[in-house]
Structures are given as structure tokens and as C-alpha cells.
């Protein structure tokens, strides 16, 4: 089983056989029946292979849908934080004259 690692020629042959089998099933019994067979296989594998199913499902759902954060945002402090570099830049350049056509509103 060690030779069936991802990226090895043996794994490539195994995957090739799986895809040929899937193609044969689609041609023999049809697409929807093959899809149903694959879904039922995955469900059976999940039920047989996963030890703590509830915890596994919770973690999987948590990765897809993260917990909602109820942090409130103080809009004024956020605006001040964003404008700080702008104000320090303006204070450095106070000696310069602003042309009349570009005065601040």
C-alpha cells in the first residue's frame, strides 16, 4: 500500500482504473444511476470510516460556514484610524501654499 502514494505511477494507474470503471458504469447503467451509486458509496464509506461522526460533521460545516462574529464596529474610531496617516501628511506640508484653483472645500 505504500506504493499508492499521490504522485507515484502506481497511484496514476489506480486512478486511471477508477475513471475507466466510472466511464463503463455510465455507459452501462446511465449517468443518474452511476451518480446514485457513487453517492451511496461515499455515504457508506463515511459511515464506516469516520469514528466520531457528529464532531466530524460539525468541523466540516464550520470550515465551510464560519461562526458569526457579533463584534460591533465603532465607525468613528475606524474613520479616525484610517485618516491618521492623512492628517500627519497634511501637517508636514502646512508650509506649502495651495493654489487657488485647488483649494480644499
PDB file of N, CA and C in Angstrom:
ATOM      1  N   UNK A   1       0.806  -1.205   0.000  1.00  0.00           N
ATOM      2  CA  UNK A   1       0.000   0.000   0.000  1.00  0.00           C
ATOM      3  C   UNK A   1       0.850   1.270   0.000  1.00  0.00           C
ATOM      4  N   UNK A   2       2.099   1.169   0.376  1.00  0.00           N
ATOM      5  CA  UNK A   2       2.940   2.354   0.400  1.00  0.00           C
ATOM      6  C   UNK A   2       3.221   2.883  -1.001  1.00  0.00           C
ATOM      7  N   UNK A   3       3.099   2.005  -2.005  1.00  0.00           N
ATOM      8  CA  UNK A   3       3.396   2.446  -3.365  1.00  0.00           C
ATOM      9  C   UNK A   3       2.252   3.274  -3.961  1.00  0.00           C
ATOM     10  N   UNK A   4       1.086   3.286  -3.318  1.00  0.00           N
ATOM     11  CA  UNK A   4      -0.059   4.048  -3.821  1.00  0.00           C
ATOM     12  C   UNK A   4      -0.104   5.448  -3.216  1.00  0.00           C
ATOM     13  N   UNK A   5       1.025   6.098  -3.159  1.00  0.00           N
ATOM     14  CA  UNK A   5       1.065   7.479  -2.676  1.00  0.00           C
ATOM     15  C   UNK A   5       0.766   8.418  -3.829  1.00  0.00           C
ATOM     16  N   UNK A   6       0.228   9.555  -3.497  1.00  0.00           N
ATOM     17  CA  UNK A   6      -0.105  10.558  -4.500  1.00  0.00           C
ATOM     18  C   UNK A   6       1.161  10.994  -5.239  1.00  0.00           C
ATOM     19  N   UNK A   7       1.085  10.993  -6.562  1.00  0.00           N
ATOM     20  CA  UNK A   7       2.221  11.419  -7.362  1.00  0.00           C
ATOM     21  C   UNK A   7       3.079  10.282  -7.869  1.00  0.00           C
ATOM     22  N   UNK A   8       2.734   9.045  -7.506  1.00  0.00           N
ATOM     23  CA  UNK A   8       3.512   7.902  -7.985  1.00  0.00           C
ATOM     24  C   UNK A   8       2.825   7.284  -9.199  1.00  0.00           C
ATOM     25  N   UNK A   9       3.561   6.560 -10.045  1.00  0.00           N
ATOM     26  CA  UNK A   9       2.943   5.906 -11.206  1.00  0.00           C
ATOM     27  C   UNK A   9       1.863   4.895 -10.813  1.00  0.00           C
ATOM     28  N   UNK A  10       2.050   4.203  -9.693  1.00  0.00           N
ATOM     29  CA  UNK A  10       1.046   3.224  -9.248  1.00  0.00           C
ATOM     30  C   UNK A  10      -0.272   3.917  -8.917  1.00  0.00           C
ATOM     31  N   UNK A  11      -0.199   5.075  -8.292  1.00  0.00           N
ATOM     32  CA  UNK A  11      -1.405   5.838  -7.975  1.00  0.00           C
ATOM     33  C   UNK A  11      -2.090   6.315  -9.255  1.00  0.00           C
ATOM     34  N   UNK A  12      -1.290   6.687 -10.247  1.00  0.00           N
ATOM     35  CA  UNK A  12      -1.842   7.105 -11.534  1.00  0.00           C
ATOM     36  C   UNK A  12      -2.586   5.969 -12.215  1.00  0.00           C
ATOM     37  N   UNK A  13      -2.033   4.768 -12.152  1.00  0.00           N
ATOM     38  CA  UNK A  13      -2.694   3.599 -12.738  1.00  0.00           C
ATOM     39  C   UNK A  13      -3.986   3.298 -11.983  1.00  0.00           C
ATOM     40  N   UNK A  14      -3.947   3.375 -10.657  1.00  0.00           N
ATOM     41  CA  UNK A  14      -5.142   3.138  -9.851  1.00  0.00           C
ATOM     42  C   UNK A  14      -6.244   4.131 -10.202  1.00  0.00           C
ATOM     43  N   UNK A  15      -5.902   5.414 -10.278  1.00  0.00           N
ATOM     44  CA  UNK A  15      -6.890   6.427 -10.624  1.00  0.00           C
ATOM     45  C   UNK A  15      -7.408   6.231 -12.048  1.00  0.00           C
ATOM     46  N   UNK A  16      -6.533   5.836 -12.955  1.00  0.00           N
ATOM     47  CA  UNK A  16      -6.963   5.545 -14.312  1.00  0.00           C
ATOM     48  C   UNK A  16      -7.986   4.429 -14.346  1.00  0.00           C
ATOM     49  N   UNK A  17      -7.750   3.379 -13.561  1.00  0.00           N
ATOM     50  CA  UNK A  17      -8.704   2.265 -13.488  1.00  0.00           C
ATOM     51  C   UNK A  17     -10.039   2.713 -12.891  1.00  0.00           C
ATOM     52  N   UNK A  18      -9.986   3.565 -11.880  1.00  0.00           N
ATOM     53  CA  UNK A  18     -11.222   4.072 -11.277  1.00  0.00           C
ATOM     54  C   UNK A  18     -12.024   4.862 -12.306  1.00  0.00           C
ATOM     55  N   UNK A  19     -11.354   5.712 -13.075  1.00  0.00           N
ATOM     56  CA  UNK A  19     -12.068   6.513 -14.069  1.00  0.00           C
ATOM     57  C   UNK A  19     -12.600   5.666 -15.224  1.00  0.00           C
ATOM     58  N   UNK A  20     -11.866   4.639 -15.616  1.00  0.00           N
ATOM     59  CA  UNK A  20     -12.360   3.730 -16.656  1.00  0.00           C
ATOM     60  C   UNK A  20     -13.585   2.980 -16.134  1.00  0.00           C
ATOM     61  N   UNK A  21     -13.540   2.573 -14.872  1.00  0.00           N
ATOM     62  CA  UNK A  21     -14.695   1.908 -14.264  1.00  0.00           C
ATOM     63  C   UNK A  21     -15.906   2.832 -14.205  1.00  0.00           C
ATOM     64  N   UNK A  22     -15.682   4.084 -13.856  1.00  0.00           N
ATOM     65  CA  UNK A  22     -16.779   5.049 -13.808  1.00  0.00           C
ATOM     66  C   UNK A  22     -17.361   5.271 -15.204  1.00  0.00           C
ATOM     67  N   UNK A  23     -16.498   5.365 -16.198  1.00  0.00           N
ATOM     68  CA  UNK A  23     -16.979   5.547 -17.577  1.00  0.00           C
ATOM     69  C   UNK A  23     -17.785   4.332 -18.030  1.00  0.00           C
ATOM     70  N   UNK A  24     -17.329   3.121 -17.677  1.00  0.00           N
ATOM     71  CA  UNK A  24     -18.048   1.909 -18.050  1.00  0.00           C
ATOM     72  C   UNK A  24     -19.416   1.862 -17.379  1.00  0.00           C
ATOM     73  N   UNK A  25     -19.472   2.268 -16.100  1.00  0.00           N
ATOM     74  CA  UNK A  25     -20.761   2.301 -15.403  1.00  0.00           C
ATOM     75  C   UNK A  25     -21.710   3.300 -16.040  1.00  0.00           C
ATOM     76  N   UNK A  26     -21.199   4.459 -16.424  1.00  0.00           N
ATOM     77  CA  UNK A  26     -22.056   5.474 -17.049  1.00  0.00           C
ATOM     78  C   UNK A  26     -22.613   4.938 -18.366  1.00  0.00           C
ATOM     79  N   UNK A  27     -21.785   4.247 -19.141  1.00  0.00           N
ATOM     80  CA  UNK A  27     -22.275   3.714 -20.420  1.00  0.00           C
ATOM     81  C   UNK A  27     -23.232   2.536 -20.212  1.00  0.00           C
ATOM     82  N   UNK A  28     -23.000   1.750 -19.161  1.00  0.00           N
ATOM     83  CA  UNK A  28     -23.778   0.536 -18.952  1.00  0.00           C
ATOM     84  C   UNK A  28     -25.111   0.815 -18.272  1.00  0.00           C
ATOM     85  N   UNK A  29     -25.112   1.582 -17.154  1.00  0.00           N
ATOM     86  CA  UNK A  29     -26.367   1.795 -16.409  1.00  0.00           C
ATOM     87  C   UNK A  29     -26.873   3.230 -16.485  1.00  0.00           C
ATOM     88  N   UNK A  30     -26.144   4.156 -17.066  1.00  0.00           N
ATOM     89  CA  UNK A  30     -26.601   5.529 -17.204  1.00  0.00           C
ATOM     90  C   UNK A  30     -25.968   6.459 -16.175  1.00  0.00           C
ATOM     91  N   UNK A  31     -26.075   7.749 -16.472  1.00  0.00           N
ATOM     92  CA  UNK A  31     -25.416   8.760 -15.645  1.00  0.00           C
ATOM     93  C   UNK A  31     -26.031   8.845 -14.253  1.00  0.00           C
ATOM     94  N   UNK A  32     -27.366   8.963 -14.145  1.00  0.00           N
ATOM     95  CA  UNK A  32     -28.010   9.196 -12.862  1.00  0.00           C
ATOM     96  C   UNK A  32     -27.872   7.998 -11.937  1.00  0.00           C
ATOM     97  N   UNK A  33     -27.959   6.806 -12.479  1.00  0.00           N
ATOM     98  CA  UNK A  33     -27.788   5.620 -11.646  1.00  0.00           C
ATOM     99  C   UNK A  33     -26.337   5.505 -11.169  1.00  0.00           C
ATOM    100  N   UNK A  34     -25.406   5.870 -12.022  1.00  0.00           N
ATOM    101  CA  UNK A  34     -23.994   5.861 -11.620  1.00  0.00           C
ATOM    102  C   UNK A  34     -23.747   6.906 -10.542  1.00  0.00           C
ATOM    103  N   UNK A  35     -24.347   8.078 -10.691  1.00  0.00           N
ATOM    104  CA  UNK A  35     -24.213   9.123  -9.679  1.00  0.00           C
ATOM    105  C   UNK A  35     -24.806   8.669  -8.349  1.00  0.00           C
ATOM    106  N   UNK A  36     -25.974   8.019  -8.393  1.00  0.00           N
ATOM    107  CA  UNK A  36     -26.586   7.487  -7.171  1.00  0.00           C
ATOM    108  C   UNK A  36     -25.678   6.442  -6.531  1.00  0.00           C
ATOM    109  N   UNK A  37     -25.091   5.584  -7.331  1.00  0.00           N
ATOM    110  CA  UNK A  37     -24.174   4.564  -6.827  1.00  0.00           C
ATOM    111  C   UNK A  37     -22.962   5.207  -6.152  1.00  0.00           C
ATOM    112  N   UNK A  38     -22.425   6.253  -6.750  1.00  0.00           N
ATOM    113  CA  UNK A  38     -21.270   6.946  -6.173  1.00  0.00           C
ATOM    114  C   UNK A  38     -21.638   7.632  -4.857  1.00  0.00           C
ATOM    115  N   UNK A  39     -22.811   8.262  -4.800  1.00  0.00           N
ATOM    116  CA  UNK A  39     -23.252   8.933  -3.567  1.00  0.00           C
ATOM    117  C   UNK A  39     -23.459   7.908  -2.459  1.00  0.00           C
ATOM    118  N   UNK A  40     -24.091   6.796  -2.783  1.00  0.00           N
ATOM    119  CA  UNK A  40     -24.310   5.759  -1.775  1.00  0.00           C
ATOM    120  C   UNK A  40     -22.985   5.152  -1.318  1.00  0.00           C
ATOM    121  N   UNK A  41     -22.031   4.992  -2.227  1.00  0.00           N
ATOM    122  CA  UNK A  41     -20.708   4.502  -1.838  1.00  0.00           C
ATOM    123  C   UNK A  41     -20.051   5.470  -0.861  1.00  0.00           C
ATOM    124  N   UNK A  42     -20.112   6.767  -1.181  1.00  0.00           N
ATOM    125  CA  UNK A  42     -19.498   7.778  -0.301  1.00  0.00           C
ATOM    126  C   UNK A  42     -20.172   7.794   1.071  1.00  0.00           C
ATOM    127  N   UNK A  43     -21.486   7.667   1.108  1.00  0.00           N
ATOM    128  CA  UNK A  43     -22.203   7.630   2.389  1.00  0.00           C
ATOM    129  C   UNK A  43     -21.796   6.403   3.191  1.00  0.00           C
ATOM    130  N   UNK A  44     -21.700   5.247   2.538  1.00  0.00           N
ATOM    131  CA  UNK A  44     -21.277   4.035   3.233  1.00  0.00           C
ATOM    132  C   UNK A  44     -19.854   4.129   3.738  1.00  0.00           C
ATOM    133  N   UNK A  45     -18.980   4.711   2.927  1.00  0.00           N
ATOM    134  CA  UNK A  45     -17.594   4.902   3.354  1.00  0.00           C
ATOM    135  C   UNK A  45     -17.530   5.823   4.564  1.00  0.00           C
ATOM    136  N   UNK A  46     -18.300   6.900   4.533  1.00  0.00           N
ATOM    137  CA  UNK A  46     -18.332   7.848   5.651  1.00  0.00           C
ATOM    138  C   UNK A  46     -18.816   7.154   6.919  1.00  0.00           C
ATOM    139  N   UNK A  47     -19.908   6.393   6.817  1.00  0.00           N
ATOM    140  CA  UNK A  47     -20.453   5.718   7.994  1.00  0.00           C
ATOM    141  C   UNK A  47     -19.489   4.676   8.552  1.00  0.00           C
ATOM    142  N   UNK A  48     -18.737   4.034   7.680  1.00  0.00           N
ATOM    143  CA  UNK A  48     -17.819   3.001   8.143  1.00  0.00           C
ATOM    144  C   UNK A  48     -16.461   3.510   8.574  1.00  0.00           C
ATOM    145  N   UNK A  49     -16.001   4.590   8.015  1.00  0.00           N
ATOM    146  CA  UNK A  49     -14.627   5.024   8.249  1.00  0.00           C
ATOM    147  C   UNK A  49     -14.486   6.106   9.322  1.00  0.00           C
ATOM    148  N   UNK A  50     -15.490   6.940   9.497  1.00  0.00           N
ATOM    149  CA  UNK A  50     -15.376   8.060  10.438  1.00  0.00           C
ATOM    150  C   UNK A  50     -15.874   7.614  11.806  1.00  0.00           C
ATOM    151  N   UNK A  51     -15.022   7.811  12.827  1.00  0.00           N
ATOM    152  CA  UNK A  51     -15.344   7.340  14.170  1.00  0.00           C
ATOM    153  C   UNK A  51     -16.349   8.258  14.865  1.00  0.00           C
ATOM    154  N   UNK A  52     -16.019   9.529  14.994  1.00  0.00           N
ATOM    155  CA  UNK A  52     -16.898  10.495  15.671  1.00  0.00           C
ATOM    156  C   UNK A  52     -17.591  11.332  14.614  1.00  0.00           C
ATOM    157  N   UNK A  53     -18.722  10.848  14.142  1.00  0.00           N
ATOM    158  CA  UNK A  53     -19.401  11.451  13.000  1.00  0.00           C
ATOM    159  C   UNK A  53     -19.932  12.852  13.289  1.00  0.00           C
ATOM    160  N   UNK A  54     -20.530  13.059  14.458  1.00  0.00           N
ATOM    161  CA  UNK A  54     -21.079  14.368  14.804  1.00  0.00           C
ATOM    162  C   UNK A  54     -20.009  15.442  14.857  1.00  0.00           C
ATOM    163  N   UNK A  55     -18.894  15.105  15.485  1.00  0.00           N
ATOM    164  CA  UNK A  55     -17.781  16.055  15.587  1.00  0.00           C
ATOM    165  C   UNK A  55     -17.187  16.344  14.211  1.00  0.00           C
ATOM    166  N   UNK A  56     -17.069  15.305  13.397  1.00  0.00           N
ATOM    167  CA  UNK A  56     -16.524  15.469  12.050  1.00  0.00           C
ATOM    168  C   UNK A  56     -17.419  16.380  11.202  1.00  0.00           C
ATOM    169  N   UNK A  57     -18.730  16.158  11.280  1.00  0.00           N
ATOM    170  CA  UNK A  57     -19.673  16.986  10.507  1.00  0.00           C
ATOM    171  C   UNK A  57     -19.640  18.427  10.998  1.00  0.00           C
ATOM    172  N   UNK A  58     -19.596  18.629  12.326  1.00  0.00           N
ATOM    173  CA  UNK A  58     -19.524  19.986  12.878  1.00  0.00           C
ATOM    174  C   UNK A  58     -18.275  20.716  12.395  1.00  0.00           C
ATOM    175  N   UNK A  59     -17.133  20.031  12.394  1.00  0.00           N
ATOM    176  CA  UNK A  59     -15.890  20.653  11.927  1.00  0.00           C
ATOM    177  C   UNK A  59     -15.947  20.967  10.440  1.00  0.00           C
ATOM    178  N   UNK A  60     -16.521  20.049   9.649  1.00  0.00           N
ATOM    179  CA  UNK A  60     -16.619  20.268   8.202  1.00  0.00           C
ATOM    180  C   UNK A  60     -17.538  21.444   7.897  1.00  0.00           C
ATOM    181  N   UNK A  61     -18.663  21.525   8.587  1.00  0.00           N
ATOM    182  CA  UNK A  61     -19.585  22.643   8.380  1.00  0.00           C
ATOM    183  C   UNK A  61     -18.945  23.933   8.864  1.00  0.00           C
ATOM    184  N   UNK A  62     -18.190  23.878   9.957  1.00  0.00           N
ATOM    185  CA  UNK A  62     -17.508  25.056  10.481  1.00  0.00           C
ATOM    186  C   UNK A  62     -16.457  25.595   9.520  1.00  0.00           C
ATOM    187  N   UNK A  63     -15.844  24.709   8.731  1.00  0.00           N
ATOM    188  CA  UNK A  63     -14.876  25.174   7.736  1.00  0.00           C
ATOM    189  C   UNK A  63     -15.569  25.845   6.566  1.00  0.00           C
ATOM    190  N   UNK A  64     -16.747  25.358   6.208  1.00  0.00           N
ATOM    191  CA  UNK A  64     -17.471  25.926   5.073  1.00  0.00           C
ATOM    192  C   UNK A  64     -18.218  27.185   5.489  1.00  0.00           C
ATOM    193  N   UNK A  65     -18.882  27.144   6.652  1.00  0.00           N
ATOM    194  CA  UNK A  65     -19.644  28.282   7.157  1.00  0.00           C
ATOM    195  C   UNK A  65     -19.056  28.667   8.511  1.00  0.00           C
ATOM    196  N   UNK A  66     -18.176  29.667   8.560  1.00  0.00           N
ATOM    197  CA  UNK A  66     -17.554  30.040   9.835  1.00  0.00           C
ATOM    198  C   UNK A  66     -18.573  30.659  10.799  1.00  0.00           C
ATOM    199  N   UNK A  67     -18.228  30.639  12.081  1.00  0.00           N
ATOM    200  CA  UNK A  67     -19.120  31.201  13.091  1.00  0.00           C
ATOM    201  C   UNK A  67     -19.290  32.694  12.871  1.00  0.00           C
ATOM    202  N   UNK A  68     -20.489  33.161  13.185  1.00  0.00           N
ATOM    203  CA  UNK A  68     -20.778  34.579  13.021  1.00  0.00           C
ATOM    204  C   UNK A  68     -20.171  35.347  14.190  1.00  0.00           C
ATOM    205  N   UNK A  69     -19.450  36.401  13.866  1.00  0.00           N
ATOM    206  CA  UNK A  69     -18.856  37.236  14.902  1.00  0.00           C
ATOM    207  C   UNK A  69     -19.798  38.404  15.166  1.00  0.00           C
ATOM    208  N   UNK A  70     -20.104  38.632  16.421  1.00  0.00           N
ATOM    209  CA  UNK A  70     -21.017  39.703  16.791  1.00  0.00           C
ATOM    210  C   UNK A  70     -20.263  40.927  17.278  1.00  0.00           C
ATOM    211  N   UNK A  71     -19.096  41.176  16.722  1.00  0.00           N
ATOM    212  CA  UNK A  71     -18.327  42.347  17.106  1.00  0.00           C
ATOM    213  C   UNK A  71     -18.965  43.587  16.485  1.00  0.00           C
ATOM    214  N   UNK A  72     -19.230  44.574  17.334  1.00  0.00           N
ATOM    215  CA  UNK A  72     -19.750  45.822  16.804  1.00  0.00           C
ATOM    216  C   UNK A  72     -18.575  46.703  16.396  1.00  0.00           C
ATOM    217  N   UNK A  73     -18.792  47.490  15.381  1.00  0.00           N
ATOM    218  CA  UNK A  73     -17.742  48.352  14.863  1.00  0.00           C
ATOM    219  C   UNK A  73     -18.051  49.787  15.257  1.00  0.00           C
ATOM    220  N   UNK A  74     -17.072  50.445  15.879  1.00  0.00           N
ATOM    221  CA  UNK A  74     -17.204  51.862  16.194  1.00  0.00           C
ATOM    222  C   UNK A  74     -16.748  52.632  14.960  1.00  0.00           C
ATOM    223  N   UNK A  75     -17.702  53.143  14.223  1.00  0.00           N
ATOM    224  CA  UNK A  75     -17.433  53.769  12.935  1.00  0.00           C
ATOM    225  C   UNK A  75     -16.504  54.976  13.077  1.00  0.00           C
ATOM    226  N   UNK A  76     -16.726  55.791  14.094  1.00  0.00           N
ATOM    227  CA  UNK A  76     -15.904  56.998  14.262  1.00  0.00           C
ATOM    228  C   UNK A  76     -14.436  56.653  14.508  1.00  0.00           C
ATOM    229  N   UNK A  77     -14.179  55.670  15.365  1.00  0.00           N
ATOM    230  CA  UNK A  77     -12.781  55.322  15.640  1.00  0.00           C
ATOM    231  C   UNK A  77     -12.133  54.686  14.414  1.00  0.00           C
ATOM    232  N   UNK A  78     -12.890  53.933  13.641  1.00  0.00           N
ATOM    233  CA  UNK A  78     -12.354  53.348  12.417  1.00  0.00           C
ATOM    234  C   UNK A  78     -11.991  54.436  11.406  1.00  0.00           C
ATOM    235  N   UNK A  79     -12.837  55.445  11.267  1.00  0.00           N
ATOM    236  CA  UNK A  79     -12.559  56.545  10.338  1.00  0.00           C
ATOM    237  C   UNK A  79     -11.336  57.322  10.798  1.00  0.00           C
ATOM    238  N   UNK A  80     -11.244  57.592  12.117  1.00  0.00           N
ATOM    239  CA  UNK A  80     -10.081  58.313  12.645  1.00  0.00           C
ATOM    240  C   UNK A  80      -8.800  57.522  12.396  1.00  0.00           C
ATOM    241  N   UNK A  81      -8.871  56.214  12.599  1.00  0.00           N
ATOM    242  CA  UNK A  81      -7.703  55.365  12.400  1.00  0.00           C
ATOM    243  C   UNK A  81      -7.243  55.406  10.940  1.00  0.00           C
ATOM    244  N   UNK A  82      -8.205  55.416  10.016  1.00  0.00           N
ATOM    245  CA  UNK A  82      -7.869  55.456   8.595  1.00  0.00           C
ATOM    246  C   UNK A  82      -7.356  56.835   8.177  1.00  0.00           C
ATOM    247  N   UNK A  83      -7.814  57.887   8.825  1.00  0.00           N
ATOM    248  CA  UNK A  83      -7.440  59.238   8.430  1.00  0.00           C
ATOM    249  C   UNK A  83      -6.172  59.724   9.124  1.00  0.00           C
ATOM    250  N   UNK A  84      -5.678  59.030  10.135  1.00  0.00           N
ATOM    251  CA  UNK A  84      -4.467  59.440  10.846  1.00  0.00           C
ATOM    252  C   UNK A  84      -3.287  59.674   9.919  1.00  0.00           C
ATOM    253  N   UNK A  85      -2.937  58.737   9.037  1.00  0.00           N
ATOM    254  CA  UNK A  85      -1.800  58.993   8.138  1.00  0.00           C
ATOM    255  C   UNK A  85      -2.038  60.208   7.242  1.00  0.00           C
ATOM    256  N   UNK A  86      -3.268  60.448   6.862  1.00  0.00           N
ATOM    257  CA  UNK A  86      -3.600  61.582   6.019  1.00  0.00           C
ATOM    258  C   UNK A  86      -3.376  62.887   6.777  1.00  0.00           C
ATOM    259  N   UNK A  87      -3.794  62.948   8.036  1.00  0.00           N
ATOM    260  CA  UNK A  87      -3.613  64.159   8.829  1.00  0.00           C
ATOM    261  C   UNK A  87      -2.133  64.439   9.102  1.00  0.00           C
ATOM    262  N   UNK A  88      -1.362  63.399   9.383  1.00  0.00           N
ATOM    263  CA  UNK A  88       0.064  63.618   9.640  1.00  0.00           C
ATOM    264  C   UNK A  88       0.766  64.100   8.367  1.00  0.00           C
ATOM    265  N   UNK A  89       0.316  63.627   7.201  1.00  0.00           N
ATOM    266  CA  UNK A  89       0.883  64.079   5.940  1.00  0.00           C
ATOM    267  C   UNK A  89       0.541  65.551   5.708  1.00  0.00           C
ATOM    268  N   UNK A  90      -0.670  65.962   6.025  1.00  0.00           N
ATOM    269  CA  UNK A  90      -1.078  67.350   5.828  1.00  0.00           C
ATOM    270  C   UNK A  90      -0.351  68.267   6.792  1.00  0.00           C
ATOM    271  N   UNK A  91      -0.087  67.810   8.023  1.00  0.00           N
ATOM    272  CA  UNK A  91       0.622  68.637   8.982  1.00  0.00           C
ATOM    273  C   UNK A  91       2.057  68.876   8.544  1.00  0.00           C
ATOM    274  N   UNK A  92       2.682  67.892   7.919  1.00  0.00           N
ATOM    275  CA  UNK A  92       4.053  68.048   7.430  1.00  0.00           C
ATOM    276  C   UNK A  92       4.122  69.074   6.309  1.00  0.00           C
ATOM    277  N   UNK A  93       3.113  69.177   5.497  1.00  0.00           N
ATOM    278  CA  UNK A  93       3.144  70.053   4.347  1.00  0.00           C
ATOM    279  C   UNK A  93       2.351  71.334   4.530  1.00  0.00           C
ATOM    280  N   UNK A  94       2.184  71.821   5.791  1.00  0.00           N
ATOM    281  CA  UNK A  94       1.389  73.020   6.033  1.00  0.00           C
ATOM    282  C   UNK A  94       2.049  74.286   5.482  1.00  0.00           C
ATOM    283  N   UNK A  95       3.358  74.301   5.349  1.00  0.00           N
ATOM    284  CA  UNK A  95       4.048  75.491   4.886  1.00  0.00           C
ATOM    285  C   UNK A  95       3.789  75.764   3.409  1.00  0.00           C
ATOM    286  N   UNK A  96       3.437  74.757   2.661  1.00  0.00           N
ATOM    287  CA  UNK A  96       3.209  74.944   1.229  1.00  0.00           C
ATOM    288  C   UNK A  96       1.890  75.669   0.993  1.00  0.00           C
ATOM    289  N   UNK A  97       1.891  76.514  -0.021  1.00  0.00           N
ATOM    290  CA  UNK A  97       0.663  77.222  -0.364  1.00  0.00           C
ATOM    291  C   UNK A  97      -0.152  76.380  -1.333  1.00  0.00           C
ATOM    292  N   UNK A  98      -1.450  76.424  -1.144  1.00  0.00           N
ATOM    293  CA  UNK A  98      -2.343  75.686  -2.020  1.00  0.00           C
ATOM    294  C   UNK A  98      -2.788  76.622  -3.111  1.00  0.00           C
ATOM    295  N   UNK A  99      -2.662  76.244  -4.381  1.00  0.00           N
ATOM    296  CA  UNK A  99      -3.141  77.101  -5.458  1.00  0.00           C
ATOM    297  C   UNK A  99      -4.637  77.354  -5.321  1.00  0.00           C
ATOM    298  N   UNK A 100      -5.095  78.526  -5.778  1.00  0.00           N
ATOM    299  CA  UNK A 100      -6.493  78.907  -5.595  1.00  0.00           C
ATOM    300  C   UNK A 100      -7.457  77.957  -6.291  1.00  0.00           C
ATOM    301  N   UNK A 101      -7.059  77.397  -7.423  1.00  0.00           N
ATOM    302  CA  UNK A 101      -7.981  76.503  -8.126  1.00  0.00           C
ATOM    303  C   UNK A 101      -8.050  75.123  -7.486  1.00  0.00           C
ATOM    304  N   UNK A 102      -7.178  74.807  -6.523  1.00  0.00           N
ATOM    305  CA  UNK A 102      -7.189  73.507  -5.846  1.00  0.00           C
ATOM    306  C   UNK A 102      -7.385  73.656  -4.352  1.00  0.00           C
ATOM    307  N   UNK A 103      -8.115  74.656  -3.919  1.00  0.00           N
ATOM    308  CA  UNK A 103      -8.352  74.835  -2.502  1.00  0.00           C
ATOM    309  C   UNK A 103      -9.245  73.718  -1.983  1.00  0.00           C
ATOM    310  N   UNK A 104      -9.094  73.437  -0.705  1.00  0.00           N
ATOM    311  CA  UNK A 104      -9.921  72.413  -0.074  1.00  0.00           C
ATOM    312  C   UNK A 104     -11.319  72.952   0.139  1.00  0.00           C
ATOM    313  N   UNK A 105     -12.261  72.108   0.018  1.00  0.00           N
ATOM    314  CA  UNK A 105     -13.673  72.505   0.164  1.00  0.00           C
ATOM    315  C   UNK A 105     -14.084  72.358   1.582  1.00  0.00           C
TER     316      UNK A 105
END
